[in-house]
Amino acid sequence: MINHVVLFILKSTSLTQRISDTEHMRARLAALVGEVPGLNSIALEPDLGAIDGHWDLILVSEHDDNAALEAYQVHPLHKEVASFIGALVSDRATVDYAH
């Protein structure tokens, strides 16, 4: 199994907008499960907000193998969601690891 981890910084500074953006991102990402082959699960969660300097959100997705992760990256549904998310975030960092 491969885990794909992405950290995001949201553009909006409005708490109401940040909550809304997170929920829209979560819904669109969740819709990929069952549609993108090799994507077993996906979760998007906000940071607790207790410590300054932390990233705003974490995405963790699980894939069958590296080939499935690579296919996910170029899948049209993922590209559509990634474009939507790209408009809401100012920065991102990614780590992939096997387990």
N, C-alpha and C. Protein backbone atom coordinates (compact mmCIF):
# COMPACT_ATOMS: atom_id res chain seq x y z
N MET A 1 0.84 -1.19 0.00
CA MET A 1 0.00 0.00 0.00
C MET A 1 0.88 1.25 0.00
N ILE A 2 0.36 2.28 -0.63
CA ILE A 2 1.03 3.58 -0.69
C ILE A 2 0.11 4.62 -0.08
N ASN A 3 0.65 5.42 0.82
CA ASN A 3 -0.09 6.57 1.35
C ASN A 3 0.43 7.83 0.68
N HIS A 4 -0.50 8.66 0.29
CA HIS A 4 -0.22 9.96 -0.35
C HIS A 4 -0.70 11.01 0.65
N VAL A 5 0.22 11.84 1.13
CA VAL A 5 -0.10 12.84 2.15
C VAL A 5 0.16 14.22 1.56
N VAL A 6 -0.84 15.09 1.68
CA VAL A 6 -0.71 16.46 1.18
C VAL A 6 -1.12 17.42 2.29
N LEU A 7 -0.29 18.41 2.53
CA LEU A 7 -0.60 19.48 3.48
C LEU A 7 -0.96 20.73 2.68
N PHE A 8 -1.96 21.45 3.16
CA PHE A 8 -2.43 22.64 2.46
C PHE A 8 -2.46 23.85 3.39
N ILE A 9 -2.21 25.03 2.80
CA ILE A 9 -2.47 26.32 3.43
C ILE A 9 -3.61 26.94 2.63
N LEU A 10 -4.70 27.26 3.28
CA LEU A 10 -5.84 27.89 2.61
C LEU A 10 -5.58 29.37 2.35
N LYS A 11 -6.12 29.88 1.26
CA LYS A 11 -5.97 31.30 0.93
C LYS A 11 -6.81 32.19 1.83
N SER A 12 -8.04 31.79 2.11
CA SER A 12 -8.96 32.63 2.85
C SER A 12 -8.53 32.79 4.30
N THR A 13 -8.77 33.99 4.82
CA THR A 13 -8.51 34.25 6.24
C THR A 13 -9.81 34.27 7.04
N SER A 14 -10.95 34.22 6.34
CA SER A 14 -12.25 34.21 7.00
C SER A 14 -12.53 32.80 7.54
N LEU A 15 -12.83 32.68 8.82
CA LEU A 15 -13.10 31.37 9.42
C LEU A 15 -14.29 30.71 8.74
N THR A 16 -15.34 31.45 8.49
CA THR A 16 -16.52 30.90 7.83
C THR A 16 -16.17 30.36 6.45
N GLN A 17 -15.40 31.13 5.69
CA GLN A 17 -15.01 30.69 4.34
C GLN A 17 -14.08 29.48 4.40
N ARG A 18 -13.18 29.45 5.36
CA ARG A 18 -12.24 28.33 5.50
C ARG A 18 -13.00 27.03 5.82
N ILE A 19 -14.01 27.13 6.67
CA ILE A 19 -14.83 25.95 6.99
C ILE A 19 -15.57 25.49 5.74
N SER A 20 -16.15 26.43 5.02
CA SER A 20 -16.87 26.10 3.79
C SER A 20 -15.93 25.48 2.75
N ASP A 21 -14.77 26.08 2.56
CA ASP A 21 -13.80 25.56 1.59
C ASP A 21 -13.39 24.13 1.95
N THR A 22 -13.14 23.89 3.23
CA THR A 22 -12.75 22.56 3.69
C THR A 22 -13.84 21.54 3.41
N GLU A 23 -15.08 21.89 3.69
CA GLU A 23 -16.19 20.96 3.45
C GLU A 23 -16.37 20.67 1.97
N HIS A 24 -16.24 21.69 1.12
CA HIS A 24 -16.35 21.46 -0.32
C HIS A 24 -15.20 20.59 -0.82
N MET A 25 -14.01 20.84 -0.33
CA MET A 25 -12.86 20.02 -0.72
C MET A 25 -13.08 18.57 -0.28
N ARG A 26 -13.52 18.39 0.95
CA ARG A 26 -13.75 17.05 1.50
C ARG A 26 -14.78 16.29 0.67
N ALA A 27 -15.87 16.93 0.33
CA ALA A 27 -16.93 16.26 -0.44
C ALA A 27 -16.44 15.87 -1.83
N ARG A 28 -15.72 16.75 -2.47
CA ARG A 28 -15.25 16.45 -3.82
C ARG A 28 -14.19 15.35 -3.81
N LEU A 29 -13.34 15.35 -2.81
CA LEU A 29 -12.33 14.29 -2.70
C LEU A 29 -12.98 12.95 -2.38
N ALA A 30 -13.93 12.93 -1.47
CA ALA A 30 -14.59 11.68 -1.09
C ALA A 30 -15.29 11.04 -2.28
N ALA A 31 -15.78 11.86 -3.19
CA ALA A 31 -16.47 11.34 -4.37
C ALA A 31 -15.55 10.58 -5.32
N LEU A 32 -14.24 10.73 -5.14
CA LEU A 32 -13.29 10.01 -5.99
C LEU A 32 -13.19 8.53 -5.64
N VAL A 33 -13.45 8.19 -4.37
CA VAL A 33 -13.37 6.79 -3.94
C VAL A 33 -14.46 6.00 -4.66
N GLY A 34 -14.06 4.91 -5.28
CA GLY A 34 -14.99 4.11 -6.06
C GLY A 34 -15.05 4.53 -7.52
N GLU A 35 -14.52 5.70 -7.83
CA GLU A 35 -14.48 6.20 -9.20
C GLU A 35 -13.09 6.11 -9.81
N VAL A 36 -12.07 6.25 -8.97
CA VAL A 36 -10.68 6.19 -9.44
C VAL A 36 -10.11 4.83 -9.03
N PRO A 37 -9.81 3.98 -10.00
CA PRO A 37 -9.27 2.65 -9.68
C PRO A 37 -7.99 2.74 -8.83
N GLY A 38 -7.89 1.86 -7.84
CA GLY A 38 -6.70 1.81 -7.01
C GLY A 38 -6.68 2.80 -5.86
N LEU A 39 -7.69 3.69 -5.78
CA LEU A 39 -7.83 4.63 -4.66
C LEU A 39 -8.71 3.96 -3.63
N ASN A 40 -8.12 3.54 -2.52
CA ASN A 40 -8.86 2.80 -1.49
C ASN A 40 -9.58 3.69 -0.50
N SER A 41 -8.97 4.81 -0.15
CA SER A 41 -9.59 5.72 0.81
C SER A 41 -8.95 7.10 0.66
N ILE A 42 -9.68 8.10 1.15
CA ILE A 42 -9.17 9.46 1.14
C ILE A 42 -9.82 10.22 2.29
N ALA A 43 -9.03 11.00 3.00
CA ALA A 43 -9.54 11.80 4.12
C ALA A 43 -8.89 13.18 4.08
N LEU A 44 -9.68 14.18 4.40
CA LEU A 44 -9.19 15.56 4.50
C LEU A 44 -9.62 16.08 5.86
N GLU A 45 -8.65 16.53 6.65
CA GLU A 45 -8.96 17.00 8.00
C GLU A 45 -8.22 18.30 8.29
N PRO A 46 -8.85 19.20 9.05
CA PRO A 46 -8.17 20.44 9.43
C PRO A 46 -7.24 20.22 10.62
N ASP A 47 -6.22 21.07 10.69
CA ASP A 47 -5.35 21.10 11.85
C ASP A 47 -6.18 21.54 13.06
N LEU A 48 -5.76 21.17 14.24
CA LEU A 48 -6.47 21.55 15.46
C LEU A 48 -6.45 23.06 15.70
N GLY A 49 -5.49 23.74 15.10
CA GLY A 49 -5.42 25.19 15.24
C GLY A 49 -4.83 25.66 16.55
N ALA A 50 -4.23 24.77 17.29
CA ALA A 50 -3.72 25.11 18.61
C ALA A 50 -2.31 25.72 18.57
N ILE A 51 -1.59 25.52 17.48
CA ILE A 51 -0.20 25.99 17.41
C ILE A 51 -0.01 26.78 16.13
N ASP A 52 0.47 28.02 16.27
CA ASP A 52 0.75 28.85 15.11
C ASP A 52 1.83 28.20 14.25
N GLY A 53 1.70 28.40 12.95
CA GLY A 53 2.71 27.90 12.03
C GLY A 53 2.40 26.54 11.44
N HIS A 54 1.36 25.86 11.94
CA HIS A 54 0.98 24.57 11.37
C HIS A 54 0.28 24.79 10.03
N TRP A 55 0.31 23.78 9.19
CA TRP A 55 -0.45 23.79 7.95
C TRP A 55 -1.94 23.73 8.32
N ASP A 56 -2.81 24.19 7.42
CA ASP A 56 -4.24 24.25 7.71
C ASP A 56 -4.95 22.90 7.60
N LEU A 57 -4.60 22.12 6.57
CA LEU A 57 -5.31 20.87 6.29
C LEU A 57 -4.33 19.76 5.94
N ILE A 58 -4.77 18.53 6.19
CA ILE A 58 -4.02 17.36 5.76
C ILE A 58 -4.95 16.45 4.96
N LEU A 59 -4.44 15.98 3.83
CA LEU A 59 -5.13 14.98 3.02
C LEU A 59 -4.29 13.71 3.09
N VAL A 60 -4.94 12.59 3.35
CA VAL A 60 -4.26 11.30 3.32
C VAL A 60 -5.10 10.37 2.45
N SER A 61 -4.48 9.85 1.40
CA SER A 61 -5.17 8.87 0.56
C SER A 61 -4.34 7.59 0.52
N GLU A 62 -5.03 6.46 0.38
CA GLU A 62 -4.36 5.17 0.33
C GLU A 62 -4.61 4.54 -1.03
N HIS A 63 -3.52 4.03 -1.63
CA HIS A 63 -3.55 3.47 -2.97
C HIS A 63 -2.97 2.06 -2.95
N ASP A 64 -3.44 1.23 -3.88
CA ASP A 64 -2.99 -0.16 -3.94
C ASP A 64 -1.47 -0.27 -4.04
N ASP A 65 -0.89 0.54 -4.89
CA ASP A 65 0.55 0.49 -5.14
C ASP A 65 0.96 1.78 -5.83
N ASN A 66 2.24 1.89 -6.17
CA ASN A 66 2.73 3.12 -6.79
C ASN A 66 2.09 3.36 -8.16
N ALA A 67 1.84 2.29 -8.90
CA ALA A 67 1.17 2.44 -10.20
C ALA A 67 -0.22 3.04 -10.03
N ALA A 68 -0.94 2.61 -9.00
CA ALA A 68 -2.27 3.16 -8.72
C ALA A 68 -2.18 4.64 -8.34
N LEU A 69 -1.16 5.01 -7.56
CA LEU A 69 -0.97 6.41 -7.19
C LEU A 69 -0.67 7.24 -8.44
N GLU A 70 0.18 6.74 -9.30
CA GLU A 70 0.50 7.46 -10.53
C GLU A 70 -0.74 7.61 -11.41
N ALA A 71 -1.56 6.56 -11.50
CA ALA A 71 -2.79 6.64 -12.29
C ALA A 71 -3.78 7.64 -11.69
N TYR A 72 -3.83 7.70 -10.35
CA TYR A 72 -4.69 8.66 -9.64
C TYR A 72 -4.28 10.09 -10.00
N GLN A 73 -2.98 10.34 -10.03
CA GLN A 73 -2.48 11.69 -10.29
C GLN A 73 -2.95 12.23 -11.64
N VAL A 74 -3.08 11.36 -12.64
CA VAL A 74 -3.44 11.82 -13.98
C VAL A 74 -4.90 11.53 -14.35
N HIS A 75 -5.63 10.91 -13.43
CA HIS A 75 -7.03 10.58 -13.71
C HIS A 75 -7.82 11.89 -13.90
N PRO A 76 -8.68 11.97 -14.92
CA PRO A 76 -9.43 13.20 -15.18
C PRO A 76 -10.26 13.69 -13.98
N LEU A 77 -10.86 12.80 -13.22
CA LEU A 77 -11.64 13.23 -12.05
C LEU A 77 -10.74 13.85 -10.99
N HIS A 78 -9.56 13.26 -10.78
CA HIS A 78 -8.62 13.83 -9.81
C HIS A 78 -8.12 15.19 -10.30
N LYS A 79 -7.82 15.30 -11.58
CA LYS A 79 -7.34 16.57 -12.12
C LYS A 79 -8.39 17.67 -11.94
N GLU A 80 -9.65 17.32 -12.11
CA GLU A 80 -10.74 18.29 -11.92
C GLU A 80 -10.79 18.76 -10.47
N VAL A 81 -10.70 17.82 -9.53
CA VAL A 81 -10.73 18.18 -8.11
C VAL A 81 -9.47 18.97 -7.74
N ALA A 82 -8.33 18.56 -8.26
CA ALA A 82 -7.08 19.26 -7.97
C ALA A 82 -7.13 20.71 -8.46
N SER A 83 -7.76 20.93 -9.60
CA SER A 83 -7.90 22.29 -10.11
C SER A 83 -8.79 23.13 -9.18
N PHE A 84 -9.88 22.53 -8.72
CA PHE A 84 -10.78 23.21 -7.77
C PHE A 84 -10.02 23.57 -6.49
N ILE A 85 -9.27 22.60 -5.95
CA ILE A 85 -8.51 22.83 -4.72
C ILE A 85 -7.43 23.88 -4.94
N GLY A 86 -6.79 23.84 -6.09
CA GLY A 86 -5.73 24.80 -6.38
C GLY A 86 -6.18 26.24 -6.28
N ALA A 87 -7.45 26.49 -6.57
CA ALA A 87 -7.98 27.85 -6.46
C ALA A 87 -8.20 28.28 -5.02
N LEU A 88 -8.23 27.32 -4.10
CA LEU A 88 -8.53 27.62 -2.69
C LEU A 88 -7.29 27.67 -1.79
N VAL A 89 -6.18 27.16 -2.28
CA VAL A 89 -4.99 27.05 -1.44
C VAL A 89 -3.85 27.93 -1.95
N SER A 90 -3.01 28.35 -1.03
CA SER A 90 -1.87 29.17 -1.40
C SER A 90 -0.57 28.37 -1.41
N ASP A 91 -0.56 27.22 -0.74
CA ASP A 91 0.65 26.40 -0.70
C ASP A 91 0.28 24.97 -0.38
N ARG A 92 1.15 24.05 -0.80
CA ARG A 92 0.94 22.63 -0.51
C ARG A 92 2.29 21.94 -0.43
N ALA A 93 2.32 20.86 0.32
CA ALA A 93 3.50 20.01 0.44
C ALA A 93 3.01 18.56 0.38
N THR A 94 3.82 17.69 -0.22
CA THR A 94 3.39 16.31 -0.44
C THR A 94 4.47 15.33 -0.02
N VAL A 95 4.03 14.21 0.56
CA VAL A 95 4.90 13.08 0.89
C VAL A 95 4.15 11.82 0.53
N ASP A 96 4.81 10.89 -0.14
CA ASP A 96 4.25 9.58 -0.44
C ASP A 96 5.12 8.55 0.27
N TYR A 97 4.48 7.54 0.88
CA TYR A 97 5.27 6.50 1.54
C TYR A 97 4.56 5.16 1.44
N ALA A 98 5.37 4.11 1.48
CA ALA A 98 4.85 2.75 1.42
C ALA A 98 4.67 2.21 2.84
N HIS A 99 3.67 1.36 2.98
CA HIS A 99 3.49 0.71 4.29
C HIS A 99 2.93 -0.67 4.09
